[in-house]
């Protein structure tokens, strides 16, 4: 189990419960199908990005994991600074 998978265990049931407050029994399966599709696409894109970033080992003297960390921090830092 990966680090992010440990947190998704509680996230997905919460999303389903939250969506059930807003959508009726006809619309909820459609919204959940959209949610699952987007979730799988995001997992696929993230996996390819991780492989690409780890292959950057040796560029400017940094290891692949360092590139992954730098790019993830750079993408999330502006969001964290707003709070």
Protein backbone atom coordinates (compact mmCIF):
# COMPACT_ATOMS: atom_id res chain seq x y z
CA UNK A 1 0.00 0.00 0.00
CA UNK A 2 1.39 3.38 -0.96
CA UNK A 3 1.34 6.48 1.22
CA UNK A 4 -1.38 8.15 -0.84
CA UNK A 5 -3.50 4.98 -0.92
CA UNK A 6 -3.68 5.01 2.86
CA UNK A 7 -5.44 8.38 2.73
CA UNK A 8 -7.74 7.47 -0.16
CA UNK A 9 -9.34 4.78 2.00
CA UNK A 10 -11.34 7.39 3.91
CA UNK A 11 -11.65 9.90 1.10
CA UNK A 12 -13.73 7.87 -1.33
CA UNK A 13 -16.53 6.86 1.09
CA UNK A 14 -16.71 10.48 2.23
CA UNK A 15 -17.09 11.69 -1.35
CA UNK A 16 -19.87 9.19 -2.00
CA UNK A 17 -21.68 10.24 1.17
CA UNK A 18 -21.25 13.93 0.35
CA UNK A 19 -22.55 13.47 -3.20
CA UNK A 20 -25.56 11.54 -1.88
CA UNK A 21 -26.65 14.69 -0.02
CA UNK A 22 -26.87 16.69 -3.25
CA UNK A 23 -28.04 14.28 -5.95
CA UNK A 24 -31.13 12.10 -6.18
CA UNK A 25 -31.11 8.37 -6.92
CA UNK A 26 -31.22 8.95 -10.68
CA UNK A 27 -28.35 11.45 -10.88
CA UNK A 28 -26.04 9.94 -8.25
CA UNK A 29 -24.82 6.95 -10.34
CA UNK A 30 -23.96 9.30 -13.21
CA UNK A 31 -21.99 11.61 -10.92
CA UNK A 32 -20.20 8.67 -9.33
CA UNK A 33 -19.28 7.32 -12.77
CA UNK A 34 -17.79 10.71 -13.63
CA UNK A 35 -15.91 10.73 -10.31
CA UNK A 36 -14.46 7.24 -10.83
CA UNK A 37 -13.47 8.00 -14.41
CA UNK A 38 -11.64 11.17 -13.40
CA UNK A 39 -10.01 9.33 -10.48
CA UNK A 40 -8.61 6.59 -12.74
CA UNK A 41 -7.41 9.09 -15.34
CA UNK A 42 -5.65 11.12 -12.63
CA UNK A 43 -3.96 7.96 -11.30
CA UNK A 44 -2.79 7.07 -14.81
CA UNK A 45 -1.40 10.54 -15.52
CA UNK A 46 0.32 10.67 -12.13
CA UNK A 47 2.00 7.31 -12.71
CA UNK A 48 3.39 8.41 -16.07
CA UNK A 49 4.59 11.71 -14.59
CA UNK A 50 6.32 9.88 -11.73
CA UNK A 51 8.14 7.58 -14.15
CA UNK A 52 9.22 10.53 -16.28
CA UNK A 53 10.44 12.51 -13.29
CA UNK A 54 12.37 9.57 -11.87
CA UNK A 55 14.09 9.13 -15.25
CA UNK A 56 15.50 12.66 -14.87
CA UNK A 57 18.22 11.29 -12.58
CA UNK A 58 21.51 13.03 -13.19
CA UNK A 59 20.03 16.19 -14.73
CA UNK A 60 21.75 19.17 -13.08
CA UNK A 61 23.28 16.78 -10.54
CA UNK A 62 20.00 15.83 -8.88
CA UNK A 63 18.49 12.39 -8.37
CA UNK A 64 15.11 11.52 -9.85
CA UNK A 65 13.35 11.57 -6.50
CA UNK A 66 14.72 15.07 -5.88
CA UNK A 67 13.20 16.27 -9.15
CA UNK A 68 9.88 14.72 -8.19
CA UNK A 69 9.96 16.42 -4.80
CA UNK A 70 10.95 19.82 -6.25
CA UNK A 71 8.23 19.80 -8.90
CA UNK A 72 5.51 18.63 -6.50
CA UNK A 73 6.49 21.25 -3.93
CA UNK A 74 6.62 23.96 -6.57
CA UNK A 75 3.11 23.04 -7.76
CA UNK A 76 1.61 22.91 -4.26
CA UNK A 77 3.46 25.75 -2.57
CA UNK A 78 1.31 28.59 -4.01
CA UNK A 79 -1.83 26.80 -2.81
CA UNK A 80 -0.39 26.35 0.68
CA UNK A 81 0.65 30.00 0.89
CA UNK A 82 -2.94 31.15 0.41
CA UNK A 83 -4.01 29.56 3.70
